[in-house]
Amino acid sequence: MPRRLLKKIMPDHKTIREHKHLRCFGTLLHNPALWHMNRHSVAKAFAVGLFFAWVPVPFQMVLGAGGAILFHANLPLSIVLVWLTNPLTMPPMFYGAYKLGAWLLGEELQHFDMELSFAWLQHEMSLIWAPFLFGCLVLGVVSALLGYFGIQVAWRRMVVKRWRKRHIRHGRLS
């Protein structure tokens, strides 16, 4: 895994520890395992971050941080991956989750006209909540598993490739 690139794009320890929404974790944020950049902590961070990216609630970042603390995953990476759902990506992602959930549950897709109001949201969610949440759960679990095992395989391949390259360069491998 490109460790240098990941370290460049991730926020530093101090910024995360002092973030107003993460202060609730207190001294738990001082656990050194949360800041390690190795295959296991990065793979767990991908699983945590990708799972919580599909949870349709505000402040997913706090849930991602809690998951990282619980599973000893890399905290900054878990938080960054939760940001996959943002105001631009949320509508297509969550509409896709609703369609998948409806398909898996064998339900008819509901037609709706978009309106930006709390009353509209409350009314529409009362009609589509089951397929929507089921779709989010399925996509969260699948994303987490693909992220975890994908990072494990990619990291391992890269280590083996570097090992072979080093041994070829030193004439130890034919």
N, C-alpha and C. Protein backbone atom coordinates (compact mmCIF):
# COMPACT_ATOMS: atom_id res chain seq x y z
N MET A 1 0.85 -1.19 0.00
CA MET A 1 0.00 0.00 0.00
C MET A 1 0.89 1.24 0.00
N PRO A 2 0.54 2.27 -0.70
CA PRO A 2 1.38 3.47 -0.73
C PRO A 2 1.30 4.23 0.59
N ARG A 3 2.09 3.80 1.52
CA ARG A 3 2.06 4.36 2.88
C ARG A 3 2.35 5.86 2.90
N ARG A 4 3.29 6.30 2.07
CA ARG A 4 3.63 7.73 2.04
C ARG A 4 2.45 8.56 1.57
N LEU A 5 1.75 8.08 0.54
CA LEU A 5 0.59 8.80 0.02
C LEU A 5 -0.50 8.89 1.09
N LEU A 6 -0.76 7.78 1.76
CA LEU A 6 -1.78 7.78 2.82
C LEU A 6 -1.42 8.75 3.94
N LYS A 7 -0.15 8.76 4.31
CA LYS A 7 0.28 9.67 5.38
C LYS A 7 0.14 11.13 4.96
N LYS A 8 0.32 11.42 3.67
CA LYS A 8 0.19 12.79 3.18
C LYS A 8 -1.25 13.29 3.25
N ILE A 9 -2.20 12.43 2.88
CA ILE A 9 -3.59 12.89 2.78
C ILE A 9 -4.34 12.83 4.10
N MET A 10 -3.79 12.12 5.08
CA MET A 10 -4.49 11.99 6.35
C MET A 10 -4.18 13.15 7.28
N PRO A 11 -5.19 13.56 8.05
CA PRO A 11 -4.93 14.61 9.04
C PRO A 11 -4.01 14.10 10.15
N ASP A 12 -3.33 15.01 10.82
CA ASP A 12 -2.40 14.60 11.87
C ASP A 12 -3.14 14.29 13.18
N HIS A 13 -2.43 13.65 14.11
CA HIS A 13 -3.01 13.20 15.38
C HIS A 13 -3.66 14.35 16.15
N LYS A 14 -2.95 15.45 16.23
CA LYS A 14 -3.42 16.58 17.04
C LYS A 14 -4.74 17.14 16.51
N THR A 15 -4.84 17.28 15.20
CA THR A 15 -6.07 17.79 14.60
C THR A 15 -7.25 16.90 14.93
N ILE A 16 -7.05 15.61 14.85
CA ILE A 16 -8.15 14.67 15.14
C ILE A 16 -8.48 14.67 16.62
N ARG A 17 -7.48 14.63 17.47
CA ARG A 17 -7.73 14.60 18.93
C ARG A 17 -8.49 15.84 19.39
N GLU A 18 -8.25 16.97 18.72
CA GLU A 18 -8.88 18.22 19.15
C GLU A 18 -10.16 18.55 18.39
N HIS A 19 -10.59 17.67 17.49
CA HIS A 19 -11.82 17.93 16.72
C HIS A 19 -13.01 17.96 17.68
N LYS A 20 -13.88 18.95 17.51
CA LYS A 20 -14.98 19.15 18.46
C LYS A 20 -15.93 17.97 18.56
N HIS A 21 -16.14 17.22 17.48
CA HIS A 21 -17.06 16.09 17.53
C HIS A 21 -16.40 14.82 18.05
N LEU A 22 -15.08 14.80 18.13
CA LEU A 22 -14.38 13.60 18.59
C LEU A 22 -13.88 13.71 20.02
N ARG A 23 -14.09 14.86 20.65
CA ARG A 23 -13.66 15.04 22.04
C ARG A 23 -14.37 14.07 22.98
N CYS A 24 -15.54 13.58 22.57
CA CYS A 24 -16.30 12.66 23.43
C CYS A 24 -15.53 11.36 23.70
N PHE A 25 -14.53 11.05 22.89
CA PHE A 25 -13.76 9.83 23.09
C PHE A 25 -12.61 10.00 24.08
N GLY A 26 -12.32 11.23 24.44
CA GLY A 26 -11.34 11.52 25.48
C GLY A 26 -10.00 10.84 25.29
N THR A 27 -9.55 10.14 26.34
CA THR A 27 -8.22 9.52 26.32
C THR A 27 -8.16 8.27 25.44
N LEU A 28 -9.32 7.77 24.98
CA LEU A 28 -9.30 6.63 24.07
C LEU A 28 -8.53 6.96 22.79
N LEU A 29 -8.50 8.24 22.44
CA LEU A 29 -7.79 8.67 21.23
C LEU A 29 -6.27 8.63 21.39
N HIS A 30 -5.78 8.35 22.61
CA HIS A 30 -4.34 8.29 22.84
C HIS A 30 -3.78 6.89 22.63
N ASN A 31 -4.64 5.94 22.27
CA ASN A 31 -4.20 4.57 22.01
C ASN A 31 -3.30 4.55 20.77
N PRO A 32 -2.04 4.13 20.89
CA PRO A 32 -1.13 4.15 19.74
C PRO A 32 -1.58 3.27 18.58
N ALA A 33 -2.36 2.23 18.85
CA ALA A 33 -2.83 1.34 17.78
C ALA A 33 -3.69 2.08 16.77
N LEU A 34 -4.31 3.17 17.18
CA LEU A 34 -5.19 3.93 16.29
C LEU A 34 -4.42 4.73 15.25
N TRP A 35 -3.13 4.85 15.43
CA TRP A 35 -2.32 5.70 14.55
C TRP A 35 -1.34 4.89 13.71
N HIS A 36 -1.28 3.56 13.91
CA HIS A 36 -0.34 2.72 13.16
C HIS A 36 -0.78 2.61 11.70
N MET A 37 0.19 2.48 10.84
CA MET A 37 -0.06 2.35 9.42
C MET A 37 0.53 1.02 8.95
N ASN A 38 -0.15 -0.08 9.29
CA ASN A 38 0.30 -1.38 8.81
C ASN A 38 -0.88 -2.07 8.11
N ARG A 39 -0.61 -3.23 7.54
CA ARG A 39 -1.62 -3.92 6.73
C ARG A 39 -2.90 -4.17 7.51
N HIS A 40 -2.78 -4.59 8.74
CA HIS A 40 -3.98 -4.94 9.50
C HIS A 40 -4.78 -3.71 9.92
N SER A 41 -4.10 -2.68 10.39
CA SER A 41 -4.84 -1.49 10.83
C SER A 41 -5.46 -0.76 9.66
N VAL A 42 -4.80 -0.76 8.51
CA VAL A 42 -5.36 -0.11 7.32
C VAL A 42 -6.53 -0.92 6.78
N ALA A 43 -6.42 -2.24 6.76
CA ALA A 43 -7.53 -3.08 6.29
C ALA A 43 -8.75 -2.91 7.19
N LYS A 44 -8.52 -2.88 8.50
CA LYS A 44 -9.65 -2.66 9.42
C LYS A 44 -10.24 -1.27 9.24
N ALA A 45 -9.39 -0.28 8.97
CA ALA A 45 -9.88 1.08 8.74
C ALA A 45 -10.76 1.13 7.50
N PHE A 46 -10.37 0.42 6.44
CA PHE A 46 -11.21 0.37 5.25
C PHE A 46 -12.56 -0.27 5.57
N ALA A 47 -12.54 -1.35 6.33
CA ALA A 47 -13.80 -2.01 6.69
C ALA A 47 -14.69 -1.07 7.50
N VAL A 48 -14.14 -0.44 8.51
CA VAL A 48 -14.91 0.46 9.37
C VAL A 48 -15.42 1.67 8.59
N GLY A 49 -14.53 2.32 7.87
CA GLY A 49 -14.91 3.53 7.14
C GLY A 49 -15.94 3.27 6.06
N LEU A 50 -15.75 2.19 5.30
CA LEU A 50 -16.70 1.88 4.24
C LEU A 50 -18.05 1.43 4.79
N PHE A 51 -18.04 0.72 5.91
CA PHE A 51 -19.32 0.33 6.51
C PHE A 51 -20.10 1.57 6.96
N PHE A 52 -19.45 2.44 7.71
CA PHE A 52 -20.15 3.60 8.25
C PHE A 52 -20.47 4.66 7.20
N ALA A 53 -19.83 4.58 6.05
CA ALA A 53 -20.20 5.48 4.95
C ALA A 53 -21.62 5.20 4.48
N TRP A 54 -22.10 3.98 4.68
CA TRP A 54 -23.45 3.60 4.25
C TRP A 54 -24.50 3.77 5.33
N VAL A 55 -24.10 4.22 6.50
CA VAL A 55 -25.07 4.44 7.58
C VAL A 55 -25.69 5.83 7.37
N PRO A 56 -27.01 5.87 7.13
CA PRO A 56 -27.64 7.16 6.77
C PRO A 56 -28.02 8.02 7.97
N VAL A 57 -27.02 8.48 8.68
CA VAL A 57 -27.26 9.37 9.82
C VAL A 57 -26.27 10.53 9.75
N PRO A 58 -26.61 11.64 10.37
CA PRO A 58 -25.61 12.71 10.45
C PRO A 58 -24.47 12.31 11.39
N PHE A 59 -23.37 12.93 11.25
CA PHE A 59 -22.18 12.70 12.09
C PHE A 59 -21.67 11.26 11.98
N GLN A 60 -21.61 10.75 10.75
CA GLN A 60 -21.06 9.41 10.52
C GLN A 60 -19.61 9.35 10.97
N MET A 61 -18.95 10.48 10.95
CA MET A 61 -17.55 10.55 11.33
C MET A 61 -17.36 10.07 12.78
N VAL A 62 -18.28 10.42 13.65
CA VAL A 62 -18.19 10.00 15.06
C VAL A 62 -18.37 8.49 15.15
N LEU A 63 -19.32 7.94 14.37
CA LEU A 63 -19.52 6.49 14.35
C LEU A 63 -18.27 5.79 13.81
N GLY A 64 -17.68 6.35 12.76
CA GLY A 64 -16.46 5.77 12.20
C GLY A 64 -15.31 5.80 13.20
N ALA A 65 -15.21 6.89 13.95
CA ALA A 65 -14.17 6.98 14.98
C ALA A 65 -14.42 5.95 16.07
N GLY A 66 -15.67 5.79 16.48
CA GLY A 66 -16.00 4.79 17.49
C GLY A 66 -15.67 3.38 17.01
N GLY A 67 -15.98 3.10 15.74
CA GLY A 67 -15.64 1.79 15.16
C GLY A 67 -14.14 1.57 15.10
N ALA A 68 -13.40 2.61 14.75
CA ALA A 68 -11.94 2.50 14.70
C ALA A 68 -11.37 2.21 16.09
N ILE A 69 -11.91 2.88 17.10
CA ILE A 69 -11.46 2.65 18.48
C ILE A 69 -11.80 1.23 18.91
N LEU A 70 -13.01 0.79 18.60
CA LEU A 70 -13.46 -0.55 18.99
C LEU A 70 -12.62 -1.66 18.36
N PHE A 71 -12.28 -1.50 17.07
CA PHE A 71 -11.56 -2.55 16.35
C PHE A 71 -10.06 -2.27 16.21
N HIS A 72 -9.56 -1.23 16.85
CA HIS A 72 -8.13 -0.86 16.79
C HIS A 72 -7.68 -0.67 15.35
N ALA A 73 -8.49 0.04 14.59
CA ALA A 73 -8.19 0.35 13.20
C ALA A 73 -7.50 1.72 13.15
N ASN A 74 -6.91 2.03 12.02
CA ASN A 74 -6.29 3.33 11.84
C ASN A 74 -7.38 4.39 11.85
N LEU A 75 -7.37 5.25 12.84
CA LEU A 75 -8.43 6.24 13.06
C LEU A 75 -8.54 7.27 11.94
N PRO A 76 -7.46 7.93 11.54
CA PRO A 76 -7.61 8.94 10.50
C PRO A 76 -8.15 8.38 9.19
N LEU A 77 -7.69 7.19 8.82
CA LEU A 77 -8.16 6.58 7.58
C LEU A 77 -9.63 6.18 7.67
N SER A 78 -10.05 5.68 8.82
CA SER A 78 -11.46 5.33 9.02
C SER A 78 -12.35 6.56 8.82
N ILE A 79 -11.91 7.67 9.38
CA ILE A 79 -12.69 8.91 9.28
C ILE A 79 -12.71 9.43 7.85
N VAL A 80 -11.58 9.40 7.17
CA VAL A 80 -11.52 9.87 5.79
C VAL A 80 -12.43 9.03 4.90
N LEU A 81 -12.45 7.72 5.09
CA LEU A 81 -13.28 6.86 4.25
C LEU A 81 -14.78 7.07 4.48
N VAL A 82 -15.16 7.48 5.67
CA VAL A 82 -16.57 7.79 5.93
C VAL A 82 -17.03 8.95 5.05
N TRP A 83 -16.10 9.83 4.71
CA TRP A 83 -16.45 11.00 3.90
C TRP A 83 -16.78 10.66 2.46
N LEU A 84 -16.75 9.37 2.10
CA LEU A 84 -17.20 8.99 0.76
C LEU A 84 -18.65 9.44 0.53
N THR A 85 -19.42 9.40 1.61
CA THR A 85 -20.77 9.95 1.49
C THR A 85 -20.70 11.40 1.93
N ASN A 86 -20.96 12.25 0.97
CA ASN A 86 -20.95 13.68 1.21
C ASN A 86 -22.15 14.25 0.45
N PRO A 87 -22.43 15.53 0.55
CA PRO A 87 -23.62 16.07 -0.12
C PRO A 87 -23.70 15.78 -1.63
N LEU A 88 -22.56 15.58 -2.28
CA LEU A 88 -22.60 15.27 -3.71
C LEU A 88 -22.86 13.80 -4.01
N THR A 89 -22.30 12.92 -3.19
CA THR A 89 -22.42 11.49 -3.46
C THR A 89 -23.60 10.83 -2.77
N MET A 90 -24.12 11.46 -1.72
CA MET A 90 -25.20 10.85 -0.96
C MET A 90 -26.45 10.51 -1.79
N PRO A 91 -26.99 11.45 -2.57
CA PRO A 91 -28.22 11.10 -3.29
C PRO A 91 -28.11 9.87 -4.18
N PRO A 92 -27.08 9.77 -5.06
CA PRO A 92 -27.03 8.55 -5.88
C PRO A 92 -26.72 7.29 -5.07
N MET A 93 -25.87 7.42 -4.05
CA MET A 93 -25.54 6.24 -3.25
C MET A 93 -26.77 5.72 -2.51
N PHE A 94 -27.49 6.62 -1.85
CA PHE A 94 -28.63 6.18 -1.06
C PHE A 94 -29.82 5.79 -1.93
N TYR A 95 -29.95 6.38 -3.10
CA TYR A 95 -31.00 5.95 -4.02
C TYR A 95 -30.68 4.54 -4.52
N GLY A 96 -29.41 4.28 -4.80
CA GLY A 96 -28.99 2.93 -5.18
C GLY A 96 -29.22 1.93 -4.07
N ALA A 97 -28.98 2.35 -2.84
CA ALA A 97 -29.23 1.47 -1.69
C ALA A 97 -30.72 1.15 -1.58
N TYR A 98 -31.56 2.16 -1.80
CA TYR A 98 -33.01 1.94 -1.77
C TYR A 98 -33.43 0.97 -2.87
N LYS A 99 -32.91 1.16 -4.09
CA LYS A 99 -33.26 0.27 -5.20
C LYS A 99 -32.81 -1.17 -4.92
N LEU A 100 -31.60 -1.32 -4.39
CA LEU A 100 -31.11 -2.66 -4.06
C LEU A 100 -31.97 -3.29 -2.98
N GLY A 101 -32.28 -2.53 -1.93
CA GLY A 101 -33.11 -3.06 -0.85
C GLY A 101 -34.49 -3.47 -1.34
N ALA A 102 -35.09 -2.65 -2.19
CA ALA A 102 -36.41 -2.98 -2.74
C ALA A 102 -36.33 -4.25 -3.59
N TRP A 103 -35.27 -4.35 -4.38
CA TRP A 103 -35.11 -5.54 -5.22
C TRP A 103 -34.92 -6.79 -4.36
N LEU A 104 -34.07 -6.70 -3.34
CA LEU A 104 -33.81 -7.86 -2.47
C LEU A 104 -35.05 -8.26 -1.67
N LEU A 105 -35.85 -7.29 -1.29
CA LEU A 105 -37.06 -7.58 -0.52
C LEU A 105 -38.26 -7.88 -1.41
N GLY A 106 -38.08 -7.75 -2.71
CA GLY A 106 -39.17 -8.02 -3.65
C GLY A 106 -40.27 -6.98 -3.60
N GLU A 107 -39.91 -5.76 -3.28
CA GLU A 107 -40.91 -4.68 -3.20
C GLU A 107 -40.88 -3.83 -4.46
N GLU A 108 -42.01 -3.22 -4.74
CA GLU A 108 -42.15 -2.30 -5.87
C GLU A 108 -41.45 -0.99 -5.53
N LEU A 109 -40.73 -0.41 -6.49
CA LEU A 109 -40.10 0.89 -6.28
C LEU A 109 -41.18 1.95 -6.19
N GLN A 110 -41.07 2.82 -5.20
CA GLN A 110 -42.01 3.92 -5.03
C GLN A 110 -41.56 5.10 -5.87
N HIS A 111 -42.50 5.73 -6.57
CA HIS A 111 -42.19 6.94 -7.32
C HIS A 111 -42.36 8.13 -6.38
N PHE A 112 -41.42 9.04 -6.43
CA PHE A 112 -41.56 10.24 -5.60
C PHE A 112 -40.94 11.43 -6.31
N ASP A 113 -41.49 12.59 -6.01
CA ASP A 113 -40.95 13.85 -6.51
C ASP A 113 -40.16 14.48 -5.38
N MET A 114 -38.96 14.92 -5.73
CA MET A 114 -38.06 15.47 -4.72
C MET A 114 -38.53 16.83 -4.23
N GLU A 115 -38.47 16.99 -2.92
CA GLU A 115 -38.82 18.27 -2.30
C GLU A 115 -37.93 18.43 -1.07
N LEU A 116 -37.36 19.58 -0.89
CA LEU A 116 -36.46 19.79 0.25
C LEU A 116 -37.24 20.33 1.45
N SER A 117 -37.87 19.41 2.18
CA SER A 117 -38.56 19.80 3.41
C SER A 117 -38.55 18.62 4.36
N PHE A 118 -38.62 18.92 5.63
CA PHE A 118 -38.63 17.86 6.63
C PHE A 118 -39.90 17.02 6.53
N ALA A 119 -41.02 17.67 6.23
CA ALA A 119 -42.30 16.94 6.09
C ALA A 119 -42.22 15.94 4.94
N TRP A 120 -41.62 16.36 3.81
CA TRP A 120 -41.49 15.45 2.67
C TRP A 120 -40.59 14.26 3.05
N LEU A 121 -39.47 14.56 3.69
CA LEU A 121 -38.54 13.51 4.09
C LEU A 121 -39.20 12.51 5.03
N GLN A 122 -39.93 13.04 6.00
CA GLN A 122 -40.61 12.17 6.97
C GLN A 122 -41.66 11.31 6.27
N HIS A 123 -42.43 11.89 5.36
CA HIS A 123 -43.47 11.14 4.65
C HIS A 123 -42.86 10.06 3.75
N GLU A 124 -41.84 10.42 2.97
CA GLU A 124 -41.23 9.46 2.05
C GLU A 124 -40.51 8.34 2.82
N MET A 125 -39.82 8.70 3.89
CA MET A 125 -39.12 7.67 4.66
C MET A 125 -40.09 6.69 5.30
N SER A 126 -41.30 7.15 5.64
CA SER A 126 -42.29 6.23 6.21
C SER A 126 -42.72 5.19 5.17
N LEU A 127 -42.56 5.50 3.89
CA LEU A 127 -42.94 4.58 2.83
C LEU A 127 -41.80 3.65 2.41
N ILE A 128 -40.57 4.15 2.49
CA ILE A 128 -39.45 3.39 1.93
C ILE A 128 -38.39 2.97 2.95
N TRP A 129 -38.64 3.15 4.23
CA TRP A 129 -37.60 2.93 5.23
C TRP A 129 -37.04 1.51 5.21
N ALA A 130 -37.87 0.49 5.08
CA ALA A 130 -37.38 -0.89 5.16
C ALA A 130 -36.43 -1.22 4.00
N PRO A 131 -36.81 -1.01 2.74
CA PRO A 131 -35.85 -1.34 1.67
C PRO A 131 -34.63 -0.43 1.69
N PHE A 132 -34.82 0.82 2.06
CA PHE A 132 -33.69 1.76 2.11
C PHE A 132 -32.66 1.31 3.15
N LEU A 133 -33.10 1.04 4.36
CA LEU A 133 -32.16 0.64 5.42
C LEU A 133 -31.56 -0.73 5.15
N PHE A 134 -32.35 -1.64 4.57
CA PHE A 134 -31.83 -2.96 4.24
C PHE A 134 -30.75 -2.84 3.16
N GLY A 135 -31.02 -2.02 2.16
CA GLY A 135 -30.02 -1.79 1.11
C GLY A 135 -28.75 -1.17 1.66
N CYS A 136 -28.89 -0.21 2.57
CA CYS A 136 -27.72 0.40 3.21
C CYS A 136 -26.93 -0.64 4.00
N LEU A 137 -27.62 -1.50 4.73
CA LEU A 137 -26.95 -2.54 5.52
C LEU A 137 -26.19 -3.50 4.61
N VAL A 138 -26.84 -3.96 3.55
CA VAL A 138 -26.19 -4.90 2.63
C VAL A 138 -24.97 -4.26 1.99
N LEU A 139 -25.13 -3.04 1.48
CA LEU A 139 -24.00 -2.36 0.84
C LEU A 139 -22.89 -2.03 1.84
N GLY A 140 -23.25 -1.72 3.08
CA GLY A 140 -22.25 -1.46 4.10
C GLY A 140 -21.43 -2.70 4.41
N VAL A 141 -22.11 -3.83 4.57
CA VAL A 141 -21.40 -5.08 4.89
C VAL A 141 -20.54 -5.52 3.71
N VAL A 142 -21.09 -5.47 2.50
CA VAL A 142 -20.33 -5.88 1.32
C VAL A 142 -19.13 -4.95 1.11
N SER A 143 -19.32 -3.65 1.25
CA SER A 143 -18.22 -2.70 1.10
C SER A 143 -17.14 -2.95 2.14
N ALA A 144 -17.54 -3.19 3.37
CA ALA A 144 -16.58 -3.45 4.45
C ALA A 144 -15.76 -4.71 4.16
N LEU A 145 -16.43 -5.77 3.74
CA LEU A 145 -15.72 -7.02 3.44
C LEU A 145 -14.78 -6.86 2.24
N LEU A 146 -15.27 -6.21 1.18
CA LEU A 146 -14.42 -5.99 0.01
C LEU A 146 -13.23 -5.09 0.35
N GLY A 147 -13.48 -4.06 1.14
CA GLY A 147 -12.40 -3.17 1.54
C GLY A 147 -11.36 -3.88 2.38
N TYR A 148 -11.81 -4.66 3.36
CA TYR A 148 -10.90 -5.36 4.25
C TYR A 148 -10.04 -6.36 3.48
N PHE A 149 -10.70 -7.26 2.75
CA PHE A 149 -9.94 -8.29 2.05
C PHE A 149 -9.18 -7.73 0.84
N GLY A 150 -9.72 -6.70 0.21
CA GLY A 150 -9.01 -6.06 -0.90
C GLY A 150 -7.69 -5.44 -0.45
N ILE A 151 -7.71 -4.77 0.68
CA ILE A 151 -6.47 -4.18 1.22
C ILE A 151 -5.50 -5.27 1.65
N GLN A 152 -6.00 -6.31 2.29
CA GLN A 152 -5.11 -7.41 2.70
C GLN A 152 -4.39 -8.01 1.49
N VAL A 153 -5.13 -8.27 0.42
CA VAL A 153 -4.54 -8.87 -0.78
C VAL A 153 -3.59 -7.89 -1.46
N ALA A 154 -4.04 -6.64 -1.65
CA ALA A 154 -3.21 -5.65 -2.34
C ALA A 154 -1.92 -5.38 -1.58
N TRP A 155 -2.01 -5.26 -0.26
CA TRP A 155 -0.83 -4.99 0.56
C TRP A 155 0.15 -6.16 0.46
N ARG A 156 -0.38 -7.36 0.57
CA ARG A 156 0.46 -8.57 0.50
C ARG A 156 1.16 -8.67 -0.85
N ARG A 157 0.40 -8.41 -1.93
CA ARG A 157 0.99 -8.46 -3.27
C ARG A 157 2.12 -7.44 -3.41
N MET A 158 1.91 -6.27 -2.88
CA MET A 158 2.92 -5.23 -3.00
C MET A 158 4.19 -5.61 -2.22
N VAL A 159 4.00 -6.19 -1.05
CA VAL A 159 5.17 -6.61 -0.26
C VAL A 159 5.93 -7.71 -1.00
N VAL A 160 5.22 -8.68 -1.55
CA VAL A 160 5.88 -9.76 -2.29
C VAL A 160 6.60 -9.21 -3.51
N LYS A 161 5.97 -8.28 -4.22
CA LYS A 161 6.58 -7.68 -5.41
C LYS A 161 7.87 -6.94 -5.03
N ARG A 162 7.83 -6.17 -3.96
CA ARG A 162 9.03 -5.45 -3.52
C ARG A 162 10.12 -6.41 -3.07
N TRP A 163 9.72 -7.49 -2.40
CA TRP A 163 10.68 -8.48 -1.93
C TRP A 163 11.39 -9.12 -3.12
N ARG A 164 10.60 -9.51 -4.14
CA ARG A 164 11.19 -10.13 -5.33
C ARG A 164 12.11 -9.16 -6.05
N LYS A 165 11.67 -7.92 -6.19
CA LYS A 165 12.47 -6.90 -6.87
C LYS A 165 13.81 -6.70 -6.16
N ARG A 166 13.78 -6.65 -4.83
CA ARG A 166 14.99 -6.46 -4.04
C ARG A 166 15.92 -7.67 -4.20
N HIS A 167 15.35 -8.88 -4.20
CA HIS A 167 16.19 -10.07 -4.33
C HIS A 167 16.75 -10.22 -5.74
N ILE A 168 16.01 -9.81 -6.75
CA ILE A 168 16.52 -9.84 -8.12
C ILE A 168 17.66 -8.84 -8.26
N ARG A 169 17.48 -7.66 -7.69
CA ARG A 169 18.50 -6.63 -7.75
C ARG A 169 19.80 -7.08 -7.09
N HIS A 170 19.70 -7.88 -6.02
CA HIS A 170 20.89 -8.35 -5.32
C HIS A 170 21.38 -9.71 -5.82
N GLY A 171 20.74 -10.22 -6.87
CA GLY A 171 21.17 -11.48 -7.48
C GLY A 171 20.86 -12.71 -6.67
N ARG A 172 19.90 -12.64 -5.77
CA ARG A 172 19.56 -13.81 -4.94
C ARG A 172 18.42 -14.64 -5.54
N LEU A 173 17.75 -14.11 -6.51
CA LEU A 173 16.60 -14.80 -7.08
C LEU A 173 16.76 -14.82 -8.59
N SER A 174 16.49 -15.94 -9.20
CA SER A 174 16.65 -16.01 -10.64
C SER A 174 15.37 -15.70 -11.37
